[in-house]
Amino acid sequence: MERRASVAMFGRVLVCCLWLAGAAAASTSALTPVGAERAGNAEGSIPAWDGGLAAPPAWAPGMPYRDPFPDDKPLYVITGANADKYRERLSPGLQALLAKYPDFRMRVYPTRRTATYPMEVIERSQAQVGKVALAGSGVVNLGGSTIPFPNPKNGLEAIWNHLLRYLGGGVERSFDAFSVRHNGDYLRIGFHDLRVYDTNFDAPMPNRLFSYIGYFTSPPDFVGTIYLVHEPIDQVAESRKAWIYNAGQRRVRRAPDLAYDNVQNGSDGLAVVDQYDGYNGAPDRYDWTLLGKKEIYVAYNGYAIGDKKLAIEQIIHKSSVNPELMRYELHRVWVVEARLKPGMSHVYARRVFYLDEDSWSVLLSDAYDSRGILWRTGIHGLVQYYDVGVPWYRLEIWHDLSNGAYVVTGLDNRYPKAWRFGVKGRMSDFQPDALRRMGR
């Protein structure tokens, strides 16, 4: 067993070395393999991309993810008192949080461009550059690419880069979400989910992006509710198919409300379905505009908040999560605006997304109501899951600026096992009949 583990680790290190060598050979290119600017900024506060965090620190599979930068210290702290000094590099949502909550502050650390993807993922995507195309609000000729538009010409292409980004082929995880009221009282929601992308199934399906099963593990009122989702690539040609099993009714029924601006179950009304994972689902209700690039502060490399030794009370504070556990860095982002199309309905009339240039993940999101007033703002804290080459969220926080409440999800401090990436699936386990079996 030890010898097999050593061989596996050697293989991973070899792949990492080859990837870094390839990155070095291509260092004369102005852009990285995903379309980001390879160079740093003029003042040196954003470094050049050097291949990302392609090899883990002192760590072994199955261990909780360790902070690869434990000795980093904050460069400065942004508060409501000094926010004007940094205003040009703060999203409107962060400006609003700093102004509204005296305890909200941002500890800014040195920028680490850790995001990277496996070499085979990059090669597969590069082979499709120029072949993938928009078709209405959808995409065609994807060919397995997870970075279809490394040089986006418009906002719709940019948001598709986010929707299709590589998340390990399949991921299984247990985590907690907390809906926190304005007075600091909170409700903990336990959840377990399994997302498997079509490439990791025994029987791939046409126009299928991934299949998903999720169920509540707490509180008791929620336990017994199970969700099944079939997520198509083009959700205009074929709408999302979703089912729900309810233990009280003991039957499976279709769940057409598991999309768009329907309320996320367990969010206490503070977030809607398509806010999850930065943004998800069909983009057809909005007109998308690419506003260009900007250097702003974002939550990045925040491994500290995932420490298994932390108690919930150390994380969940009134008005937001404990700011001492958050890490912000200066990064370049693509700014994408979504405006509701005439005749379409959604609780958010306008939205602005800030997409990481190195991973295409949404890092910040601002949502405006029909009056044009900033209503809710999202912080999507990214880390590099360095053993599998997956940049993804360590947590997501949605603040409701109208009532002082927030909801945070993705926290797995109470769960000893690390999330599993690279999970494969059987299509027979992702059918409505499977929900009945799980319910029994």
Protein backbone atom coordinates (compact mmCIF):
# COMPACT_ATOMS: atom_id res chain seq x y z
CA MET A 1 0.00 0.00 0.00
CA GLU A 2 2.78 2.44 0.91
CA ARG A 3 4.64 1.64 -2.31
CA ARG A 4 1.50 2.27 -4.43
CA ALA A 5 0.97 5.59 -2.63
CA SER A 6 4.59 6.57 -3.28
CA VAL A 7 4.28 5.69 -6.98
CA ALA A 8 1.06 7.71 -7.22
CA MET A 9 2.67 10.70 -5.53
CA PHE A 10 5.70 10.42 -7.83
CA GLY A 11 3.36 10.46 -10.82
CA ARG A 12 1.64 13.59 -9.61
CA VAL A 13 4.96 15.33 -8.98
CA LEU A 14 6.20 14.32 -12.44
CA VAL A 15 3.08 15.74 -14.08
CA CYS A 16 3.50 18.95 -12.09
CA CYS A 17 7.12 19.24 -13.16
CA LEU A 18 6.22 18.73 -16.82
CA TRP A 19 3.47 21.32 -16.54
CA LEU A 20 5.80 23.85 -14.95
CA ALA A 21 8.40 23.15 -17.63
CA GLY A 22 5.77 23.78 -20.29
CA ALA A 23 4.77 27.00 -18.59
CA ALA A 24 8.37 28.15 -18.47
CA ALA A 25 8.87 27.32 -22.15
CA ALA A 26 5.85 29.45 -22.99
CA SER A 27 6.92 32.31 -20.75
CA THR A 28 7.50 34.55 -23.76
CA SER A 29 3.75 34.49 -24.46
CA ALA A 30 1.87 37.54 -23.23
CA LEU A 31 -1.07 35.41 -22.09
CA THR A 32 -1.37 32.33 -19.90
CA PRO A 33 -3.08 29.16 -21.21
CA VAL A 34 -6.46 30.41 -19.91
CA GLY A 35 -6.13 33.86 -21.46
CA ALA A 36 -4.90 35.84 -18.43
CA GLU A 37 -2.13 38.42 -18.62
CA ARG A 38 1.06 36.57 -17.76
CA ALA A 39 2.88 39.70 -16.59
CA GLY A 40 2.31 41.43 -13.29
CA ASN A 41 1.14 45.01 -13.00
CA ALA A 42 3.35 48.08 -13.32
CA GLU A 43 3.65 48.79 -9.60
CA GLY A 44 4.50 45.19 -8.73
CA SER A 45 1.53 44.61 -6.41
CA ILE A 46 0.30 41.87 -8.77
CA PRO A 47 3.09 39.42 -9.67
CA ALA A 48 3.60 37.58 -12.91
CA TRP A 49 1.89 34.21 -13.24
CA ASP A 50 4.53 31.49 -12.86
CA GLY A 51 2.44 28.36 -13.37
CA GLY A 52 0.29 28.59 -10.26
CA LEU A 53 0.28 26.27 -7.26
CA ALA A 54 0.75 23.08 -9.25
CA ALA A 55 2.26 20.96 -6.46
CA PRO A 56 1.01 20.63 -2.87
CA PRO A 57 3.00 21.77 0.17
CA ALA A 58 3.90 19.29 2.93
CA TRP A 59 0.66 17.38 2.64
CA ALA A 60 -0.72 13.89 1.96
CA PRO A 61 -4.01 12.78 0.33
CA GLY A 62 -6.87 12.67 2.81
CA MET A 63 -5.43 15.41 5.01
CA PRO A 64 -7.28 18.73 5.41
CA TYR A 65 -5.93 21.36 3.03
CA ARG A 66 -3.03 23.22 4.59
CA ASP A 67 -2.30 26.89 4.09
CA PRO A 68 0.67 27.03 1.71
CA PHE A 69 1.54 30.54 2.92
CA PRO A 70 1.40 30.33 6.74
CA ASP A 71 4.04 33.04 7.21
CA ASP A 72 2.31 35.71 5.12
CA LYS A 73 1.33 38.82 7.07
CA PRO A 74 -1.28 41.44 6.11
CA LEU A 75 0.14 44.39 4.18
CA TYR A 76 -2.63 46.65 5.48
CA VAL A 77 -6.21 46.52 6.71
CA ILE A 78 -9.08 48.32 4.97
CA THR A 79 -11.84 49.62 7.25
CA GLY A 80 -14.75 51.98 6.92
CA ALA A 81 -12.50 54.75 8.24
CA ASN A 82 -9.87 54.47 5.47
CA ALA A 83 -11.99 52.99 2.65
CA ASP A 84 -11.82 56.18 0.56
CA LYS A 85 -8.08 55.67 0.15
CA TYR A 86 -8.72 52.33 -1.59
CA ARG A 87 -12.05 53.12 -3.26
CA GLU A 88 -10.85 52.64 -6.85
CA ARG A 89 -9.97 49.03 -6.06
CA LEU A 90 -13.13 48.19 -4.14
CA SER A 91 -16.29 46.87 -5.74
CA PRO A 92 -19.50 48.76 -4.89
CA GLY A 93 -20.55 45.79 -2.77
CA LEU A 94 -17.40 45.88 -0.65
CA GLN A 95 -17.69 49.66 -0.31
CA ALA A 96 -21.25 49.18 0.97
CA LEU A 97 -20.18 46.55 3.52
CA LEU A 98 -17.37 48.77 4.83
CA ALA A 99 -19.77 51.69 5.17
CA LYS A 100 -22.59 49.68 6.77
CA TYR A 101 -20.76 47.53 9.32
CA PRO A 102 -18.18 49.02 11.72
CA ASP A 103 -16.74 45.54 12.37
CA PHE A 104 -16.31 44.66 8.69
CA ARG A 105 -12.70 44.99 7.58
CA MET A 106 -10.43 43.56 4.92
CA ARG A 107 -6.99 42.21 5.73
CA VAL A 108 -5.02 42.56 2.49
CA TYR A 109 -2.16 40.10 1.92
CA PRO A 110 0.51 39.75 -0.77
CA THR A 111 -1.01 38.58 -4.04
CA ARG A 112 -0.42 34.91 -4.87
CA ARG A 113 -1.52 33.82 -8.33
CA THR A 114 -2.07 30.20 -7.34
CA ALA A 115 -4.80 29.24 -9.84
CA THR A 116 -3.89 26.59 -12.40
CA TYR A 117 -5.46 23.62 -14.16
CA PRO A 118 -4.14 20.16 -15.10
CA MET A 119 -2.15 20.00 -18.33
CA GLU A 120 -4.63 17.67 -20.04
CA VAL A 121 -7.46 20.11 -19.28
CA ILE A 122 -5.49 22.98 -20.83
CA GLU A 123 -4.55 20.94 -23.90
CA ARG A 124 -8.13 19.81 -24.47
CA SER A 125 -9.36 23.39 -24.23
CA GLN A 126 -6.65 24.81 -26.47
CA ALA A 127 -7.52 22.26 -29.14
CA GLN A 128 -11.01 23.77 -29.35
CA VAL A 129 -10.02 27.44 -29.45
CA GLY A 130 -11.76 29.04 -32.42
CA LYS A 131 -14.13 26.09 -32.82
CA VAL A 132 -16.50 26.77 -29.91
CA ALA A 133 -19.17 29.31 -30.81
CA LEU A 134 -22.19 31.00 -29.29
CA ALA A 135 -25.60 29.91 -30.53
CA GLY A 136 -28.13 32.30 -29.08
CA SER A 137 -27.53 32.13 -25.33
CA GLY A 138 -25.91 28.70 -25.56
CA VAL A 139 -22.67 27.25 -26.94
CA VAL A 140 -21.93 24.70 -29.66
CA ASN A 141 -18.87 22.63 -30.65
CA LEU A 142 -17.65 22.51 -27.08
CA GLY A 143 -15.64 19.33 -27.65
CA GLY A 144 -14.76 18.90 -23.99
CA SER A 145 -13.35 22.41 -23.58
CA THR A 146 -13.65 24.01 -20.14
CA ILE A 147 -12.19 27.34 -21.31
CA PRO A 148 -14.17 27.92 -24.52
CA PHE A 149 -13.36 31.63 -24.91
CA PRO A 150 -9.88 32.47 -23.53
CA ASN A 151 -10.09 35.84 -25.30
CA PRO A 152 -13.76 36.78 -24.80
CA LYS A 153 -15.31 39.30 -27.15
CA ASN A 154 -18.42 39.93 -25.07
CA GLY A 155 -19.95 39.35 -21.66
CA LEU A 156 -21.82 36.19 -22.67
CA GLU A 157 -18.58 34.49 -23.72
CA ALA A 158 -16.98 35.50 -20.42
CA ILE A 159 -19.81 34.12 -18.28
CA TRP A 160 -19.72 30.86 -20.23
CA ASN A 161 -16.06 30.54 -19.24
CA HIS A 162 -17.28 30.62 -15.64
CA LEU A 163 -20.16 28.21 -16.21
CA LEU A 164 -17.96 25.63 -17.95
CA ARG A 165 -14.78 25.93 -15.89
CA TYR A 166 -13.09 22.72 -14.78
CA LEU A 167 -14.04 21.45 -11.30
CA GLY A 168 -12.23 18.15 -11.25
CA GLY A 169 -14.61 16.10 -13.37
CA GLY A 170 -16.63 15.22 -10.29
CA VAL A 171 -16.72 16.32 -6.66
CA GLU A 172 -18.36 14.91 -3.51
CA ARG A 173 -18.46 16.90 -0.30
CA SER A 174 -20.18 17.53 3.03
CA PHE A 175 -20.48 21.10 4.27
CA ASP A 176 -22.51 23.53 6.35
CA ALA A 177 -24.42 26.67 5.43
CA PHE A 178 -25.45 29.31 7.95
CA SER A 179 -28.22 31.85 7.61
CA VAL A 180 -27.33 34.66 10.00
CA ARG A 181 -29.85 37.29 11.06
CA HIS A 182 -29.06 40.94 11.72
CA ASN A 183 -28.79 40.29 15.49
CA GLY A 184 -26.25 37.47 15.05
CA ASP A 185 -28.64 34.54 15.61
CA TYR A 186 -28.07 31.79 13.08
CA LEU A 187 -29.40 28.49 11.75
CA ARG A 188 -26.97 25.78 10.65
CA ILE A 189 -27.89 23.75 7.57
CA GLY A 190 -25.92 20.54 6.91
CA PHE A 191 -25.69 19.36 3.31
CA HIS A 192 -24.04 16.62 1.26
CA ASP A 193 -23.80 16.74 -2.50
CA LEU A 194 -22.29 14.92 -5.45
CA ARG A 195 -21.68 16.63 -8.79
CA VAL A 196 -20.37 14.49 -11.65
CA TYR A 197 -19.57 15.96 -15.05
CA ASP A 198 -20.60 14.10 -18.17
CA THR A 199 -17.03 13.10 -19.04
CA ASN A 200 -16.85 11.08 -15.80
CA PHE A 201 -19.98 8.99 -16.40
CA ASP A 202 -20.21 5.42 -17.65
CA ALA A 203 -22.85 6.50 -20.16
CA PRO A 204 -22.34 10.07 -21.42
CA MET A 205 -25.47 11.96 -22.48
CA PRO A 206 -25.88 14.45 -25.33
CA ASN A 207 -25.93 18.11 -24.25
CA ARG A 208 -25.29 17.14 -20.62
CA LEU A 209 -22.86 19.24 -18.59
CA PHE A 210 -23.21 17.43 -15.25
CA SER A 211 -25.62 15.51 -13.04
CA TYR A 212 -26.12 16.34 -9.40
CA ILE A 213 -27.55 14.78 -6.24
CA GLY A 214 -27.76 16.67 -2.94
CA TYR A 215 -29.49 16.14 0.37
CA PHE A 216 -29.79 17.80 3.78
CA THR A 217 -28.15 16.27 6.85
CA SER A 218 -29.56 18.86 9.31
CA PRO A 219 -31.71 20.33 10.79
CA PRO A 220 -34.26 17.53 11.35
CA ASP A 221 -37.02 19.44 9.51
CA PHE A 222 -34.92 19.38 6.32
CA VAL A 223 -33.57 15.83 6.55
CA GLY A 224 -35.18 13.53 4.02
CA THR A 225 -35.26 16.10 1.22
CA ILE A 226 -33.15 15.01 -1.76
CA TYR A 227 -32.50 16.86 -5.01
CA LEU A 228 -31.58 15.50 -8.43
CA VAL A 229 -30.50 17.79 -11.27
CA HIS A 230 -29.61 17.09 -14.90
CA GLU A 231 -27.73 20.18 -16.07
CA PRO A 232 -27.60 20.66 -19.86
CA ILE A 233 -24.90 22.61 -21.63
CA ASP A 234 -27.40 24.64 -23.65
CA GLN A 235 -30.27 25.43 -21.26
CA VAL A 236 -32.21 27.30 -23.92
CA ALA A 237 -32.40 24.34 -26.28
CA GLU A 238 -33.08 22.03 -23.32
CA SER A 239 -34.13 23.34 -19.92
CA ARG A 240 -32.64 22.15 -16.65
CA LYS A 241 -34.37 19.01 -15.38
CA ALA A 242 -34.75 18.76 -11.63
CA TRP A 243 -36.54 16.45 -9.22
CA ILE A 244 -37.11 16.47 -5.47
CA TYR A 245 -37.84 13.63 -3.06
CA ASN A 246 -39.72 14.52 0.11
CA ALA A 247 -39.58 12.03 2.96
CA GLY A 248 -42.94 13.16 4.33
CA GLN A 249 -44.73 12.58 1.02
CA ARG A 250 -42.52 9.61 0.07
CA ARG A 251 -42.61 10.46 -3.58
CA VAL A 252 -40.48 12.03 -6.28
CA ARG A 253 -41.81 15.03 -8.14
CA ARG A 254 -40.44 17.46 -10.70
CA ALA A 255 -38.91 20.65 -9.30
CA PRO A 256 -39.22 23.33 -12.00
CA ASP A 257 -38.55 26.05 -9.42
CA LEU A 258 -34.93 24.93 -8.94
CA ALA A 259 -33.65 27.65 -11.26
CA TYR A 260 -33.32 31.40 -11.85
CA ASP A 261 -34.62 33.63 -9.03
CA ASN A 262 -36.44 31.07 -6.93
CA VAL A 263 -35.23 31.13 -3.33
CA GLN A 264 -32.46 28.75 -2.32
CA ASN A 265 -33.86 26.27 0.19
CA GLY A 266 -32.15 26.82 3.54
CA SER A 267 -31.01 30.38 2.76
CA ASP A 268 -33.78 32.01 4.82
CA GLY A 269 -34.76 33.92 1.70
CA LEU A 270 -31.36 35.62 1.44
CA ALA A 271 -30.19 34.08 -1.83
CA VAL A 272 -31.73 32.78 -5.05
CA VAL A 273 -30.89 29.63 -6.97
CA ASP A 274 -28.77 31.15 -9.74
CA GLN A 275 -26.48 32.92 -7.23
CA TYR A 276 -25.04 29.60 -6.11
CA ASP A 277 -21.49 28.86 -7.32
CA GLY A 278 -21.01 32.50 -8.29
CA TYR A 279 -23.59 32.13 -11.05
CA ASN A 280 -25.25 29.03 -12.46
CA GLY A 281 -27.90 28.08 -14.97
CA ALA A 282 -29.15 29.52 -18.21
CA PRO A 283 -27.96 33.05 -19.07
CA ASP A 284 -30.92 33.77 -21.38
CA ARG A 285 -32.79 36.28 -19.20
CA TYR A 286 -30.03 38.90 -19.32
CA ASP A 287 -28.11 40.96 -21.83
CA TRP A 288 -24.42 40.51 -21.00
CA THR A 289 -21.81 43.24 -21.47
CA LEU A 290 -18.06 42.93 -21.04
CA LEU A 291 -16.93 46.10 -19.27
CA GLY A 292 -13.22 45.28 -19.42
CA LYS A 293 -10.58 44.47 -16.81
CA LYS A 294 -9.93 45.99 -13.44
CA GLU A 295 -7.58 45.53 -10.48
CA ILE A 296 -9.63 45.02 -7.32
CA TYR A 297 -9.45 43.36 -3.92
CA VAL A 298 -10.97 39.88 -3.78
CA ALA A 299 -11.11 37.00 -1.31
CA TYR A 300 -8.30 34.67 -2.43
CA ASN A 301 -6.17 31.90 -0.91
CA GLY A 302 -8.25 31.94 2.28
CA TYR A 303 -7.22 28.53 3.56
CA ALA A 304 -7.29 29.68 7.20
CA ILE A 305 -11.06 29.68 7.49
CA GLY A 306 -11.11 25.96 6.64
CA ASP A 307 -9.07 25.00 9.71
CA LYS A 308 -10.75 21.93 11.25
CA LYS A 309 -9.85 23.15 14.74
CA LEU A 310 -12.08 26.21 14.47
CA ALA A 311 -15.38 26.22 16.34
CA ILE A 312 -18.45 27.64 14.64
CA GLU A 313 -18.53 30.56 17.10
CA GLN A 314 -15.05 31.53 15.94
CA ILE A 315 -16.27 31.81 12.35
CA ILE A 316 -19.84 33.09 12.43
CA HIS A 317 -20.02 36.68 13.65
CA LYS A 318 -22.73 39.28 13.51
CA SER A 319 -22.82 41.15 10.16
CA SER A 320 -20.29 38.81 8.46
CA VAL A 321 -17.86 35.97 9.08
CA ASN A 322 -14.90 36.66 11.35
CA PRO A 323 -12.71 39.13 9.38
CA GLU A 324 -9.57 37.77 11.08
CA LEU A 325 -10.07 34.53 9.13
CA MET A 326 -10.53 36.15 5.72
CA ARG A 327 -7.72 36.87 3.28
CA TYR A 328 -8.02 39.49 0.54
CA GLU A 329 -5.57 40.06 -2.29
CA LEU A 330 -5.28 42.41 -5.26
CA HIS A 331 -6.09 40.59 -8.51
CA ARG A 332 -7.09 41.45 -12.05
CA VAL A 333 -10.67 40.58 -12.91
CA TRP A 334 -12.96 40.73 -15.91
CA VAL A 335 -16.00 42.89 -15.13
CA VAL A 336 -19.24 41.59 -16.66
CA GLU A 337 -22.60 43.36 -16.41
CA ALA A 338 -25.94 41.57 -16.80
CA ARG A 339 -29.07 43.65 -17.45
CA LEU A 340 -32.52 42.07 -17.47
CA LYS A 341 -33.95 41.76 -20.98
CA PRO A 342 -37.25 43.49 -21.77
CA GLY A 343 -40.12 41.14 -21.05
CA MET A 344 -38.04 38.87 -18.82
CA SER A 345 -38.57 38.50 -15.07
CA HIS A 346 -36.02 38.25 -12.28
CA VAL A 347 -35.73 39.81 -8.83
CA TYR A 348 -32.37 41.29 -9.88
CA ALA A 349 -32.72 43.84 -12.65
CA ARG A 350 -28.98 44.38 -12.94
CA ARG A 351 -25.99 42.34 -11.82
CA VAL A 352 -22.24 42.86 -12.00
CA PHE A 353 -19.81 39.95 -11.81
CA TYR A 354 -16.07 40.10 -11.24
CA LEU A 355 -14.34 37.09 -12.84
CA ASP A 356 -10.83 35.99 -11.89
CA GLU A 357 -8.52 36.29 -14.90
CA ASP A 358 -6.59 33.19 -13.81
CA SER A 359 -9.52 30.79 -13.27
CA TRP A 360 -12.65 32.43 -14.77
CA SER A 361 -14.40 32.01 -11.41
CA VAL A 362 -16.76 34.71 -10.19
CA LEU A 363 -15.03 36.28 -7.17
CA LEU A 364 -17.49 39.08 -6.36
CA SER A 365 -21.08 39.69 -7.42
CA ASP A 366 -23.34 42.71 -6.95
CA ALA A 367 -27.12 42.46 -7.44
CA TYR A 368 -29.42 45.47 -7.93
CA ASP A 369 -33.19 45.69 -7.56
CA SER A 370 -35.65 47.13 -10.09
CA ARG A 371 -35.04 50.65 -8.70
CA GLY A 372 -31.32 50.40 -9.42
CA ILE A 373 -30.41 50.12 -5.73
CA LEU A 374 -27.64 47.76 -4.66
CA TRP A 375 -29.51 45.04 -2.79
CA ARG A 376 -27.20 42.06 -2.26
CA THR A 377 -23.49 41.47 -2.64
CA GLY A 378 -21.62 38.19 -2.84
CA ILE A 379 -18.06 37.29 -1.80
CA HIS A 380 -16.82 34.06 -3.38
CA GLY A 381 -13.54 33.13 -1.70
CA LEU A 382 -11.25 31.13 -3.98
CA VAL A 383 -8.52 28.65 -3.06
CA GLN A 384 -6.44 26.29 -5.17
CA TYR A 385 -7.16 22.63 -4.38
CA TYR A 386 -3.56 21.90 -5.15
CA ASP A 387 -3.64 18.11 -5.27
CA VAL A 388 -6.13 18.03 -8.16
CA GLY A 389 -5.48 21.28 -10.02
CA VAL A 390 -8.86 22.80 -9.20
CA PRO A 391 -9.35 26.47 -8.27
CA TRP A 392 -12.74 26.62 -6.53
CA TYR A 393 -14.50 28.22 -3.62
CA ARG A 394 -13.55 27.78 0.01
CA LEU A 395 -16.76 29.60 0.96
CA GLU A 396 -19.46 31.85 -0.49
CA ILE A 397 -21.09 34.71 1.42
CA TRP A 398 -24.17 36.65 0.32
CA HIS A 399 -24.96 39.83 2.25
CA ASP A 400 -28.42 41.39 2.13
CA LEU A 401 -27.79 45.11 2.51
CA SER A 402 -31.46 45.87 3.10
CA ASN A 403 -31.83 43.92 6.35
CA GLY A 404 -28.31 43.31 7.68
CA ALA A 405 -28.51 39.52 7.35
CA TYR A 406 -26.22 37.17 5.44
CA VAL A 407 -25.85 33.55 4.44
CA VAL A 408 -22.55 31.69 4.13
CA THR A 409 -22.06 28.26 2.60
CA GLY A 410 -19.27 25.77 1.88
CA LEU A 411 -17.83 25.55 5.41
CA ASP A 412 -16.65 22.02 6.22
CA ASN A 413 -14.90 22.58 9.55
CA ARG A 414 -17.09 20.05 11.36
CA TYR A 415 -16.38 17.28 8.83
CA PRO A 416 -13.13 15.29 9.20
CA LYS A 417 -12.95 14.09 5.59
CA ALA A 418 -11.63 16.26 2.78
CA TRP A 419 -13.73 16.82 -0.32
CA ARG A 420 -13.26 14.18 -3.03
CA PHE A 421 -12.43 15.31 -6.55
CA GLY A 422 -12.26 13.21 -9.69
CA VAL A 423 -15.37 11.26 -8.68
CA LYS A 424 -16.92 9.06 -11.37
CA GLY A 425 -20.57 8.03 -11.62
CA ARG A 426 -23.06 5.59 -13.02
CA MET A 427 -25.92 7.19 -14.92
CA SER A 428 -28.36 4.73 -13.35
CA ASP A 429 -27.60 6.30 -9.94
CA PHE A 430 -28.70 9.73 -11.19
CA GLN A 431 -32.26 8.91 -12.21
CA PRO A 432 -35.57 9.66 -10.41
CA ASP A 433 -35.83 6.01 -9.33
CA ALA A 434 -32.52 6.41 -7.51
CA LEU A 435 -34.08 9.11 -5.32
CA ARG A 436 -36.77 6.67 -4.22
CA ARG A 437 -34.13 4.13 -3.29
CA MET A 438 -32.17 6.76 -1.36
CA GLY A 439 -35.35 7.84 0.43
CA ARG A 440 -36.03 4.31 1.58
